[in-house]
PDB file of N, CA and C in Angstrom:
ATOM      1  N   MET A   1    -117.584 -33.903 -64.712  1.00  0.00           N
ATOM      2  CA  MET A   1    -116.970 -33.702 -64.025  1.00  0.00           C
ATOM      3  C   MET A   1    -116.443 -33.592 -62.221  1.00  0.00           C
ATOM      4  N   LYS A   2    -117.924 -33.799 -61.453  1.00  0.00           N
ATOM      5  CA  LYS A   2    -117.992 -34.760 -60.587  1.00  0.00           C
ATOM      6  C   LYS A   2    -116.905 -34.854 -59.300  1.00  0.00           C
ATOM      7  N   ASP A   3    -116.092 -34.598 -58.685  1.00  0.00           N
ATOM      8  CA  ASP A   3    -115.400 -35.689 -57.936  1.00  0.00           C
ATOM      9  C   ASP A   3    -116.030 -35.864 -56.512  1.00  0.00           C
ATOM     10  N   THR A   4    -115.102 -36.591 -55.433  1.00  0.00           N
ATOM     11  CA  THR A   4    -115.700 -36.822 -54.150  1.00  0.00           C
ATOM     12  C   THR A   4    -115.156 -36.025 -53.306  1.00  0.00           C
ATOM     13  N   ALA A   5    -114.369 -35.125 -53.646  1.00  0.00           N
ATOM     14  CA  ALA A   5    -113.558 -34.244 -52.914  1.00  0.00           C
ATOM     15  C   ALA A   5    -114.088 -32.681 -52.947  1.00  0.00           C
ATOM     16  N   SER A   6    -115.011 -32.478 -54.273  1.00  0.00           N
ATOM     17  CA  SER A   6    -115.583 -31.587 -54.620  1.00  0.00           C
ATOM     18  C   SER A   6    -116.484 -30.823 -53.716  1.00  0.00           C
ATOM     19  N   LYS A   7    -116.691 -29.925 -53.344  1.00  0.00           N
ATOM     20  CA  LYS A   7    -117.286 -28.767 -52.655  1.00  0.00           C
ATOM     21  C   LYS A   7    -118.716 -29.166 -52.606  1.00  0.00           C
ATOM     22  N   GLU A   8    -119.595 -28.659 -51.570  1.00  0.00           N
ATOM     23  CA  GLU A   8    -121.247 -29.087 -51.877  1.00  0.00           C
ATOM     24  C   GLU A   8    -122.054 -28.491 -51.585  1.00  0.00           C
ATOM     25  N   ILE A   9    -121.799 -27.486 -50.972  1.00  0.00           N
ATOM     26  CA  ILE A   9    -122.674 -25.451 -51.363  1.00  0.00           C
ATOM     27  C   ILE A   9    -121.978 -24.752 -50.757  1.00  0.00           C
ATOM     28  N   PHE A  10    -122.269 -23.968 -51.974  1.00  0.00           N
ATOM     29  CA  PHE A  10    -121.183 -22.646 -52.736  1.00  0.00           C
ATOM     30  C   PHE A  10    -122.525 -21.611 -52.106  1.00  0.00           C
ATOM     31  N   GLU A  11    -121.928 -20.204 -51.144  1.00  0.00           N
ATOM     32  CA  GLU A  11    -122.829 -19.522 -51.428  1.00  0.00           C
ATOM     33  C   GLU A  11    -122.451 -18.153 -51.460  1.00  0.00           C
ATOM     34  N   GLN A  12    -122.656 -17.672 -52.309  1.00  0.00           N
ATOM     35  CA  GLN A  12    -122.374 -16.960 -52.742  1.00  0.00           C
ATOM     36  C   GLN A  12    -122.889 -15.170 -53.382  1.00  0.00           C
ATOM     37  N   GLY A  13    -123.186 -14.188 -52.364  1.00  0.00           N
ATOM     38  CA  GLY A  13    -123.707 -13.507 -51.647  1.00  0.00           C
ATOM     39  C   GLY A  13    -125.120 -13.653 -51.759  1.00  0.00           C
ATOM     40  N   TYR A  14    -125.841 -13.146 -52.736  1.00  0.00           N
ATOM     41  CA  TYR A  14    -127.602 -13.138 -52.795  1.00  0.00           C
ATOM     42  C   TYR A  14    -128.000 -15.051 -53.605  1.00  0.00           C
ATOM     43  N   PHE A  15    -126.779 -15.923 -54.004  1.00  0.00           N
ATOM     44  CA  PHE A  15    -128.040 -17.331 -53.853  1.00  0.00           C
ATOM     45  C   PHE A  15    -126.585 -17.619 -53.761  1.00  0.00           C
ATOM     46  N   ILE A  16    -127.291 -19.085 -53.709  1.00  0.00           N
ATOM     47  CA  ILE A  16    -126.495 -20.394 -53.090  1.00  0.00           C
ATOM     48  C   ILE A  16    -126.827 -21.742 -53.425  1.00  0.00           C
ATOM     49  N   LEU A  17    -125.429 -22.478 -54.362  1.00  0.00           N
ATOM     50  CA  LEU A  17    -125.742 -23.269 -54.957  1.00  0.00           C
ATOM     51  C   LEU A  17    -125.502 -24.671 -54.018  1.00  0.00           C
ATOM     52  N   ASP A  18    -126.430 -25.936 -53.655  1.00  0.00           N
ATOM     53  CA  ASP A  18    -126.316 -26.713 -53.030  1.00  0.00           C
ATOM     54  C   ASP A  18    -125.733 -27.787 -53.830  1.00  0.00           C
ATOM     55  N   THR A  19    -124.924 -28.369 -54.330  1.00  0.00           N
ATOM     56  CA  THR A  19    -124.351 -29.083 -55.415  1.00  0.00           C
ATOM     57  C   THR A  19    -125.043 -30.776 -55.060  1.00  0.00           C
ATOM     58  N   SER A  20    -125.341 -30.762 -53.735  1.00  0.00           N
ATOM     59  CA  SER A  20    -125.628 -32.445 -53.291  1.00  0.00           C
ATOM     60  C   SER A  20    -127.202 -32.448 -52.939  1.00  0.00           C
ATOM     61  N   GLN A  21    -127.896 -31.642 -53.432  1.00  0.00           N
ATOM     62  CA  GLN A  21    -129.010 -32.184 -53.177  1.00  0.00           C
ATOM     63  C   GLN A  21    -130.064 -31.018 -54.645  1.00  0.00           C
ATOM     64  N   ALA A  22    -128.656 -30.747 -55.659  1.00  0.00           N
ATOM     65  CA  ALA A  22    -128.930 -29.796 -56.815  1.00  0.00           C
ATOM     66  C   ALA A  22    -130.102 -28.763 -56.816  1.00  0.00           C
ATOM     67  N   ILE A  23    -130.016 -28.011 -55.869  1.00  0.00           N
ATOM     68  CA  ILE A  23    -130.781 -26.703 -55.850  1.00  0.00           C
ATOM     69  C   ILE A  23    -129.441 -25.657 -56.022  1.00  0.00           C
ATOM     70  N   LEU A  24    -130.722 -24.613 -56.562  1.00  0.00           N
ATOM     71  CA  LEU A  24    -130.450 -23.606 -56.715  1.00  0.00           C
ATOM     72  C   LEU A  24    -131.641 -22.268 -55.922  1.00  0.00           C
ATOM     73  N   LYS A  25    -130.336 -21.192 -55.018  1.00  0.00           N
ATOM     74  CA  LYS A  25    -131.400 -20.703 -54.107  1.00  0.00           C
ATOM     75  C   LYS A  25    -130.567 -18.576 -54.851  1.00  0.00           C
ATOM     76  N   VAL A  26    -131.835 -18.427 -55.583  1.00  0.00           N
ATOM     77  CA  VAL A  26    -131.687 -16.956 -55.404  1.00  0.00           C
ATOM     78  C   VAL A  26    -132.334 -15.976 -54.702  1.00  0.00           C
ATOM     79  N   ASN A  27    -131.831 -14.816 -53.706  1.00  0.00           N
ATOM     80  CA  ASN A  27    -132.769 -14.094 -52.955  1.00  0.00           C
ATOM     81  C   ASN A  27    -133.809 -14.988 -52.033  1.00  0.00           C
ATOM     82  N   GLY A  28    -133.040 -16.144 -51.619  1.00  0.00           N
ATOM     83  CA  GLY A  28    -133.816 -17.135 -50.599  1.00  0.00           C
ATOM     84  C   GLY A  28    -135.097 -18.285 -51.583  1.00  0.00           C
ATOM     85  N   GLU A  29    -134.995 -17.644 -52.948  1.00  0.00           N
ATOM     86  CA  GLU A  29    -135.978 -18.635 -53.733  1.00  0.00           C
ATOM     87  C   GLU A  29    -135.128 -20.001 -54.122  1.00  0.00           C
ATOM     88  N   GLU A  30    -136.058 -20.895 -54.099  1.00  0.00           N
ATOM     89  CA  GLU A  30    -135.391 -21.782 -54.841  1.00  0.00           C
ATOM     90  C   GLU A  30    -135.658 -22.433 -56.722  1.00  0.00           C
ATOM     91  N   VAL A  31    -134.743 -21.521 -57.253  1.00  0.00           N
ATOM     92  CA  VAL A  31    -134.928 -21.714 -58.930  1.00  0.00           C
ATOM     93  C   VAL A  31    -134.332 -22.442 -59.654  1.00  0.00           C
ATOM     94  N   GLU A  32    -135.791 -23.653 -60.776  1.00  0.00           N
ATOM     95  CA  GLU A  32    -135.414 -24.213 -61.186  1.00  0.00           C
ATOM     96  C   GLU A  32    -134.307 -24.260 -62.389  1.00  0.00           C
ATOM     97  N   CYS A  33    -133.585 -25.173 -62.462  1.00  0.00           N
ATOM     98  CA  CYS A  33    -132.195 -25.681 -63.280  1.00  0.00           C
ATOM     99  C   CYS A  33    -132.140 -26.869 -63.746  1.00  0.00           C
ATOM    100  N   THR A  34    -131.589 -27.023 -65.286  1.00  0.00           N
ATOM    101  CA  THR A  34    -130.843 -28.215 -65.376  1.00  0.00           C
ATOM    102  C   THR A  34    -130.326 -28.604 -64.747  1.00  0.00           C
ATOM    103  N   ALA A  35    -129.695 -30.087 -65.078  1.00  0.00           N
ATOM    104  CA  ALA A  35    -128.664 -30.309 -64.257  1.00  0.00           C
ATOM    105  C   ALA A  35    -127.115 -29.741 -64.909  1.00  0.00           C
ATOM    106  N   LYS A  36    -127.064 -29.281 -66.426  1.00  0.00           N
ATOM    107  CA  LYS A  36    -126.110 -28.605 -67.238  1.00  0.00           C
ATOM    108  C   LYS A  36    -125.449 -27.562 -66.373  1.00  0.00           C
ATOM    109  N   GLU A  37    -126.841 -26.786 -66.505  1.00  0.00           N
ATOM    110  CA  GLU A  37    -127.007 -25.204 -65.705  1.00  0.00           C
ATOM    111  C   GLU A  37    -126.328 -25.381 -64.221  1.00  0.00           C
ATOM    112  N   LEU A  38    -126.851 -25.919 -62.919  1.00  0.00           N
ATOM    113  CA  LEU A  38    -126.299 -26.843 -62.022  1.00  0.00           C
ATOM    114  C   LEU A  38    -124.489 -27.058 -62.046  1.00  0.00           C
ATOM    115  N   GLU A  39    -124.008 -27.788 -63.207  1.00  0.00           N
ATOM    116  CA  GLU A  39    -123.055 -28.030 -63.486  1.00  0.00           C
ATOM    117  C   GLU A  39    -122.614 -26.968 -63.799  1.00  0.00           C
ATOM    118  N   LEU A  40    -122.500 -25.843 -64.413  1.00  0.00           N
ATOM    119  CA  LEU A  40    -122.033 -24.909 -65.223  1.00  0.00           C
ATOM    120  C   LEU A  40    -121.868 -23.732 -64.033  1.00  0.00           C
ATOM    121  N   LEU A  41    -122.691 -23.874 -63.782  1.00  0.00           N
ATOM    122  CA  LEU A  41    -122.322 -22.579 -62.109  1.00  0.00           C
ATOM    123  C   LEU A  41    -121.855 -23.821 -61.267  1.00  0.00           C
ATOM    124  N   GLU A  42    -121.641 -24.797 -60.287  1.00  0.00           N
ATOM    125  CA  GLU A  42    -120.465 -25.760 -60.130  1.00  0.00           C
ATOM    126  C   GLU A  42    -119.194 -25.165 -60.735  1.00  0.00           C
ATOM    127  N   PHE A  43    -118.969 -24.891 -61.981  1.00  0.00           N
ATOM    128  CA  PHE A  43    -118.144 -25.206 -62.325  1.00  0.00           C
ATOM    129  C   PHE A  43    -117.564 -23.690 -62.358  1.00  0.00           C
ATOM    130  N   PHE A  44    -118.055 -22.446 -62.533  1.00  0.00           N
ATOM    131  CA  PHE A  44    -117.521 -21.158 -62.250  1.00  0.00           C
ATOM    132  C   PHE A  44    -117.436 -20.692 -60.737  1.00  0.00           C
ATOM    133  N   CYS A  45    -117.954 -21.345 -59.779  1.00  0.00           N
ATOM    134  CA  CYS A  45    -117.807 -21.077 -58.642  1.00  0.00           C
ATOM    135  C   CYS A  45    -116.202 -21.601 -57.490  1.00  0.00           C
ATOM    136  N   SER A  46    -116.150 -23.147 -58.412  1.00  0.00           N
ATOM    137  CA  SER A  46    -115.340 -23.429 -58.393  1.00  0.00           C
ATOM    138  C   SER A  46    -113.663 -23.029 -58.358  1.00  0.00           C
ATOM    139  N   ASN A  47    -113.912 -21.674 -59.899  1.00  0.00           N
ATOM    140  CA  ASN A  47    -112.892 -21.180 -60.268  1.00  0.00           C
ATOM    141  C   ASN A  47    -113.272 -19.813 -60.200  1.00  0.00           C
ATOM    142  N   PRO A  48    -113.287 -19.587 -59.008  1.00  0.00           N
ATOM    143  CA  PRO A  48    -113.647 -17.708 -59.297  1.00  0.00           C
ATOM    144  C   PRO A  48    -112.697 -16.514 -59.745  1.00  0.00           C
ATOM    145  N   ASN A  49    -113.208 -16.003 -59.991  1.00  0.00           N
ATOM    146  CA  ASN A  49    -112.154 -14.378 -60.857  1.00  0.00           C
ATOM    147  C   ASN A  49    -110.967 -15.539 -62.255  1.00  0.00           C
ATOM    148  N   LYS A  50    -111.229 -16.317 -62.607  1.00  0.00           N
ATOM    149  CA  LYS A  50    -110.596 -17.219 -63.312  1.00  0.00           C
ATOM    150  C   LYS A  50    -111.070 -16.999 -64.964  1.00  0.00           C
ATOM    151  N   VAL A  51    -110.389 -16.990 -66.712  1.00  0.00           N
ATOM    152  CA  VAL A  51    -111.160 -16.610 -67.288  1.00  0.00           C
ATOM    153  C   VAL A  51    -111.151 -17.963 -67.763  1.00  0.00           C
ATOM    154  N   PHE A  52    -111.998 -18.449 -68.779  1.00  0.00           N
ATOM    155  CA  PHE A  52    -111.841 -19.520 -70.415  1.00  0.00           C
ATOM    156  C   PHE A  52    -112.203 -19.424 -70.892  1.00  0.00           C
ATOM    157  N   THR A  53    -111.995 -20.017 -71.916  1.00  0.00           N
ATOM    158  CA  THR A  53    -112.460 -20.227 -73.047  1.00  0.00           C
ATOM    159  C   THR A  53    -113.806 -21.014 -73.333  1.00  0.00           C
ATOM    160  N   ALA A  54    -114.544 -20.907 -73.672  1.00  0.00           N
ATOM    161  CA  ALA A  54    -115.351 -21.594 -74.376  1.00  0.00           C
ATOM    162  C   ALA A  54    -115.186 -22.968 -74.505  1.00  0.00           C
ATOM    163  N   ALA A  55    -114.501 -23.227 -75.426  1.00  0.00           N
ATOM    164  CA  ALA A  55    -113.848 -24.171 -75.510  1.00  0.00           C
ATOM    165  C   ALA A  55    -113.728 -25.232 -74.092  1.00  0.00           C
ATOM    166  N   HIS A  56    -112.811 -24.743 -73.162  1.00  0.00           N
ATOM    167  CA  HIS A  56    -112.613 -25.038 -72.418  1.00  0.00           C
ATOM    168  C   HIS A  56    -113.095 -25.696 -71.756  1.00  0.00           C
ATOM    169  N   ILE A  57    -114.469 -24.808 -71.227  1.00  0.00           N
ATOM    170  CA  ILE A  57    -115.720 -25.270 -70.361  1.00  0.00           C
ATOM    171  C   ILE A  57    -116.986 -26.582 -70.850  1.00  0.00           C
ATOM    172  N   TYR A  58    -116.730 -26.154 -72.142  1.00  0.00           N
ATOM    173  CA  TYR A  58    -117.561 -26.948 -72.828  1.00  0.00           C
ATOM    174  C   TYR A  58    -116.632 -28.512 -72.317  1.00  0.00           C
ATOM    175  N   ASP A  59    -115.411 -28.393 -72.956  1.00  0.00           N
ATOM    176  CA  ASP A  59    -114.331 -29.763 -72.370  1.00  0.00           C
ATOM    177  C   ASP A  59    -114.628 -30.564 -70.935  1.00  0.00           C
ATOM    178  N   SER A  60    -114.625 -29.144 -70.332  1.00  0.00           N
ATOM    179  CA  SER A  60    -114.788 -29.314 -68.436  1.00  0.00           C
ATOM    180  C   SER A  60    -115.805 -29.300 -68.086  1.00  0.00           C
ATOM    181  N   VAL A  61    -117.213 -28.870 -68.497  1.00  0.00           N
ATOM    182  CA  VAL A  61    -118.565 -29.504 -67.604  1.00  0.00           C
ATOM    183  C   VAL A  61    -118.945 -30.767 -68.819  1.00  0.00           C
ATOM    184  N   TRP A  62    -119.248 -30.360 -70.121  1.00  0.00           N
ATOM    185  CA  TRP A  62    -119.639 -31.157 -70.667  1.00  0.00           C
ATOM    186  C   TRP A  62    -119.153 -32.597 -70.886  1.00  0.00           C
ATOM    187  N   GLY A  63    -117.561 -32.391 -71.108  1.00  0.00           N
ATOM    188  CA  GLY A  63    -116.763 -33.519 -71.113  1.00  0.00           C
ATOM    189  C   GLY A  63    -116.791 -34.259 -72.508  1.00  0.00           C
ATOM    190  N   LEU A  64    -116.482 -32.807 -73.015  1.00  0.00           N
ATOM    191  CA  LEU A  64    -116.290 -33.824 -74.466  1.00  0.00           C
ATOM    192  C   LEU A  64    -115.471 -32.122 -75.045  1.00  0.00           C
ATOM    193  N   PRO A  65    -114.741 -32.841 -76.404  1.00  0.00           N
ATOM    194  CA  PRO A  65    -113.750 -31.772 -76.804  1.00  0.00           C
ATOM    195  C   PRO A  65    -114.672 -30.818 -77.278  1.00  0.00           C
ATOM    196  N   GLY A  66    -113.948 -29.128 -76.764  1.00  0.00           N
ATOM    197  CA  GLY A  66    -114.429 -28.051 -77.242  1.00  0.00           C
ATOM    198  C   GLY A  66    -114.933 -27.808 -78.458  1.00  0.00           C
ATOM    199  N   TYR A  67    -115.121 -28.590 -79.740  1.00  0.00           N
ATOM    200  CA  TYR A  67    -114.842 -28.108 -81.080  1.00  0.00           C
ATOM    201  C   TYR A  67    -116.595 -27.851 -81.067  1.00  0.00           C
ATOM    202  N   GLY A  68    -117.216 -27.117 -81.753  1.00  0.00           N
ATOM    203  CA  GLY A  68    -118.703 -26.586 -82.017  1.00  0.00           C
ATOM    204  C   GLY A  68    -119.577 -26.686 -80.387  1.00  0.00           C
ATOM    205  N   GLY A  69    -118.519 -26.706 -79.490  1.00  0.00           N
ATOM    206  CA  GLY A  69    -119.612 -26.046 -78.557  1.00  0.00           C
ATOM    207  C   GLY A  69    -120.013 -25.270 -78.001  1.00  0.00           C
ATOM    208  N   ASP A  70    -118.700 -23.951 -78.557  1.00  0.00           N
ATOM    209  CA  ASP A  70    -119.018 -22.424 -78.381  1.00  0.00           C
ATOM    210  C   ASP A  70    -120.624 -22.347 -77.978  1.00  0.00           C
ATOM    211  N   LYS A  71    -121.390 -22.625 -79.031  1.00  0.00           N
ATOM    212  CA  LYS A  71    -122.684 -22.048 -79.237  1.00  0.00           C
ATOM    213  C   LYS A  71    -123.560 -22.612 -77.729  1.00  0.00           C
ATOM    214  N   THR A  72    -122.862 -23.901 -77.848  1.00  0.00           N
ATOM    215  CA  THR A  72    -123.912 -24.219 -76.583  1.00  0.00           C
ATOM    216  C   THR A  72    -123.595 -24.081 -74.684  1.00  0.00           C
ATOM    217  N   VAL A  73    -122.153 -23.429 -74.653  1.00  0.00           N
ATOM    218  CA  VAL A  73    -122.396 -22.987 -74.132  1.00  0.00           C
ATOM    219  C   VAL A  73    -122.945 -21.498 -73.382  1.00  0.00           C
ATOM    220  N   THR A  74    -122.399 -20.859 -75.283  1.00  0.00           N
ATOM    221  CA  THR A  74    -123.237 -19.754 -74.868  1.00  0.00           C
ATOM    222  C   THR A  74    -124.530 -19.229 -74.564  1.00  0.00           C
ATOM    223  N   ILE A  75    -125.853 -20.237 -74.721  1.00  0.00           N
ATOM    224  CA  ILE A  75    -126.465 -20.327 -74.627  1.00  0.00           C
ATOM    225  C   ILE A  75    -126.839 -20.781 -73.118  1.00  0.00           C
ATOM    226  N   HIS A  76    -126.221 -21.818 -72.797  1.00  0.00           N
ATOM    227  CA  HIS A  76    -126.280 -22.563 -71.515  1.00  0.00           C
ATOM    228  C   HIS A  76    -126.000 -21.616 -70.106  1.00  0.00           C
ATOM    229  N   ILE A  77    -125.097 -20.371 -70.566  1.00  0.00           N
ATOM    230  CA  ILE A  77    -124.338 -19.375 -70.385  1.00  0.00           C
ATOM    231  C   ILE A  77    -125.606 -17.704 -69.899  1.00  0.00           C
ATOM    232  N   SER A  78    -126.122 -17.762 -71.063  1.00  0.00           N
ATOM    233  CA  SER A  78    -127.430 -16.858 -70.621  1.00  0.00           C
ATOM    234  C   SER A  78    -128.471 -17.496 -70.460  1.00  0.00           C
ATOM    235  N   LYS A  79    -128.703 -18.503 -70.616  1.00  0.00           N
ATOM    236  CA  LYS A  79    -130.110 -18.579 -69.030  1.00  0.00           C
ATOM    237  C   LYS A  79    -130.195 -19.202 -67.828  1.00  0.00           C
ATOM    238  N   LEU A  80    -128.526 -19.267 -67.494  1.00  0.00           N
ATOM    239  CA  LEU A  80    -128.088 -19.318 -65.893  1.00  0.00           C
ATOM    240  C   LEU A  80    -128.347 -17.980 -66.264  1.00  0.00           C
ATOM    241  N   ARG A  81    -127.808 -17.440 -66.171  1.00  0.00           N
ATOM    242  CA  ARG A  81    -127.404 -14.936 -65.986  1.00  0.00           C
ATOM    243  C   ARG A  81    -128.838 -14.607 -65.844  1.00  0.00           C
ATOM    244  N   LYS A  82    -129.975 -15.404 -66.519  1.00  0.00           N
ATOM    245  CA  LYS A  82    -131.642 -14.824 -66.126  1.00  0.00           C
ATOM    246  C   LYS A  82    -132.107 -15.405 -64.927  1.00  0.00           C
ATOM    247  N   LYS A  83    -131.511 -16.825 -64.488  1.00  0.00           N
ATOM    248  CA  LYS A  83    -131.001 -16.999 -63.360  1.00  0.00           C
ATOM    249  C   LYS A  83    -131.211 -16.626 -62.220  1.00  0.00           C
ATOM    250  N   LEU A  84    -129.590 -16.257 -62.133  1.00  0.00           N
ATOM    251  CA  LEU A  84    -129.123 -15.877 -61.792  1.00  0.00           C
ATOM    252  C   LEU A  84    -129.914 -14.332 -61.481  1.00  0.00           C
ATOM    253  N   LEU A  85    -130.518 -13.092 -62.225  1.00  0.00           N
ATOM    254  CA  LEU A  85    -131.713 -12.268 -62.555  1.00  0.00           C
ATOM    255  C   LEU A  85    -129.732 -11.134 -62.650  1.00  0.00           C
ATOM    256  N   ASP A  86    -128.675 -11.923 -63.004  1.00  0.00           N
ATOM    257  CA  ASP A  86    -127.882 -11.330 -64.227  1.00  0.00           C
ATOM    258  C   ASP A  86    -128.132  -9.670 -64.900  1.00  0.00           C
ATOM    259  N   ASP A  87    -129.647  -9.770 -65.539  1.00  0.00           N
ATOM    260  CA  ASP A  87    -129.711  -8.964 -66.826  1.00  0.00           C
ATOM    261  C   ASP A  87    -130.341  -7.635 -65.613  1.00  0.00           C
ATOM    262  N   ILE A  88    -130.726  -7.923 -63.686  1.00  0.00           N
ATOM    263  CA  ILE A  88    -131.223  -6.686 -63.762  1.00  0.00           C
ATOM    264  C   ILE A  88    -130.481  -6.323 -62.581  1.00  0.00           C
ATOM    265  N   LYS A  89    -128.916  -6.848 -61.900  1.00  0.00           N
ATOM    266  CA  LYS A  89    -128.222  -6.769 -61.122  1.00  0.00           C
ATOM    267  C   LYS A  89    -127.400  -5.760 -61.731  1.00  0.00           C
ATOM    268  N   PRO A  90    -127.045  -4.414 -60.886  1.00  0.00           N
ATOM    269  CA  PRO A  90    -126.197  -3.125 -61.003  1.00  0.00           C
ATOM    270  C   PRO A  90    -124.897  -3.388 -61.934  1.00  0.00           C
ATOM    271  N   TYR A  91    -124.517  -5.736 -61.578  1.00  0.00           N
ATOM    272  CA  TYR A  91    -123.028  -6.063 -62.001  1.00  0.00           C
ATOM    273  C   TYR A  91    -123.408  -6.702 -62.320  1.00  0.00           C
ATOM    274  N   LYS A  92    -122.119  -7.816 -63.542  1.00  0.00           N
ATOM    275  CA  LYS A  92    -122.632  -8.977 -63.923  1.00  0.00           C
ATOM    276  C   LYS A  92    -121.467  -9.202 -62.924  1.00  0.00           C
ATOM    277  N   VAL A  93    -122.603 -11.378 -62.973  1.00  0.00           N
ATOM    278  CA  VAL A  93    -121.644 -12.322 -61.872  1.00  0.00           C
ATOM    279  C   VAL A  93    -120.616 -12.918 -63.021  1.00  0.00           C
ATOM    280  N   ILE A  94    -121.232 -13.806 -64.316  1.00  0.00           N
ATOM    281  CA  ILE A  94    -120.663 -14.199 -65.204  1.00  0.00           C
ATOM    282  C   ILE A  94    -120.796 -12.998 -66.606  1.00  0.00           C
ATOM    283  N   ILE A  95    -119.560 -12.830 -66.508  1.00  0.00           N
ATOM    284  CA  ILE A  95    -119.156 -11.731 -67.392  1.00  0.00           C
ATOM    285  C   ILE A  95    -118.122 -12.977 -68.676  1.00  0.00           C
ATOM    286  N   ASN A  96    -118.055 -11.883 -70.000  1.00  0.00           N
ATOM    287  CA  ASN A  96    -118.034 -12.431 -71.058  1.00  0.00           C
ATOM    288  C   ASN A  96    -116.227 -11.071 -71.593  1.00  0.00           C
ATOM    289  N   LEU A  97    -115.686 -12.303 -71.951  1.00  0.00           N
ATOM    290  CA  LEU A  97    -114.563 -10.928 -71.907  1.00  0.00           C
ATOM    291  C   LEU A  97    -114.799 -11.198 -73.753  1.00  0.00           C
ATOM    292  N   ARG A  98    -114.776 -10.437 -74.837  1.00  0.00           N
ATOM    293  CA  ARG A  98    -114.904 -10.859 -75.725  1.00  0.00           C
ATOM    294  C   ARG A  98    -113.301 -10.960 -76.415  1.00  0.00           C
ATOM    295  N   GLY A  99    -113.512 -11.856 -77.488  1.00  0.00           N
ATOM    296  CA  GLY A  99    -112.643 -12.484 -77.268  1.00  0.00           C
ATOM    297  C   GLY A  99    -111.733 -13.312 -77.210  1.00  0.00           C
ATOM    298  N   ILE A 100    -112.320 -13.289 -75.523  1.00  0.00           N
ATOM    299  CA  ILE A 100    -111.413 -14.136 -74.742  1.00  0.00           C
ATOM    300  C   ILE A 100    -111.554 -15.171 -74.372  1.00  0.00           C
ATOM    301  N   GLY A 101    -112.697 -15.298 -73.687  1.00  0.00           N
ATOM    302  CA  GLY A 101    -113.504 -16.240 -72.981  1.00  0.00           C
ATOM    303  C   GLY A 101    -114.430 -15.724 -71.710  1.00  0.00           C
ATOM    304  N   TYR A 102    -115.388 -16.416 -70.699  1.00  0.00           N
ATOM    305  CA  TYR A 102    -115.970 -16.167 -69.529  1.00  0.00           C
ATOM    306  C   TYR A 102    -115.592 -15.933 -68.395  1.00  0.00           C
ATOM    307  N   LYS A 103    -115.790 -15.535 -67.455  1.00  0.00           N
ATOM    308  CA  LYS A 103    -115.287 -15.320 -66.496  1.00  0.00           C
ATOM    309  C   LYS A 103    -116.437 -14.821 -65.105  1.00  0.00           C
ATOM    310  N   PHE A 104    -116.271 -15.389 -63.725  1.00  0.00           N
ATOM    311  CA  PHE A 104    -117.386 -15.798 -62.810  1.00  0.00           C
ATOM    312  C   PHE A 104    -116.722 -14.917 -62.242  1.00  0.00           C
ATOM    313  N   ILE A 105    -117.119 -14.171 -61.166  1.00  0.00           N
ATOM    314  CA  ILE A 105    -116.620 -12.507 -60.455  1.00  0.00           C
ATOM    315  C   ILE A 105    -117.815 -12.952 -59.131  1.00  0.00           C
ATOM    316  N   PRO A 106    -117.586 -13.653 -57.985  1.00  0.00           N
ATOM    317  CA  PRO A 106    -118.354 -13.927 -56.907  1.00  0.00           C
ATOM    318  C   PRO A 106    -119.177 -12.340 -56.650  1.00  0.00           C
ATOM    319  N   PRO A 107    -120.321 -12.861 -56.407  1.00  0.00           N
ATOM    320  CA  PRO A 107    -121.021 -11.400 -56.517  1.00  0.00           C
ATOM    321  C   PRO A 107    -120.705 -11.097 -54.843  1.00  0.00           C
ATOM    322  N   ARG A 108    -121.192  -9.594 -53.893  1.00  0.00           N
ATOM    323  CA  ARG A 108    -120.825  -8.913 -53.562  1.00  0.00           C
ATOM    324  C   ARG A 108    -121.861  -9.650 -52.219  1.00  0.00           C
ATOM    325  N   SER A 109    -121.759  -9.508 -50.835  1.00  0.00           N
ATOM    326  CA  SER A 109    -122.823 -10.463 -49.746  1.00  0.00           C
ATOM    327  C   SER A 109    -123.847  -8.747 -50.168  1.00  0.00           C
TER     328      SER A 109
END
């Protein structure tokens, strides 16, 4: 997924993703993430307000054909939402469009 032209720091309202340092900060606090969670968040930050199927996300982030990857994507998104405090915010930044896919909506500052 990585290429040399990719953006390194994504400042998204209450969180900052620094891909060069593999760091996620939520409300100023560093949050421990797996490499795949960081890659998944980078994918979403690089593609705001666009809808992607789980198969497309699996292909883009894991670099494998999407068949059978839906559950993997769902689990990783669930874990990432918790780390982004998506379950306690008044609005979600990663939303599930049932039967369609997932969409990242950048948080307001």
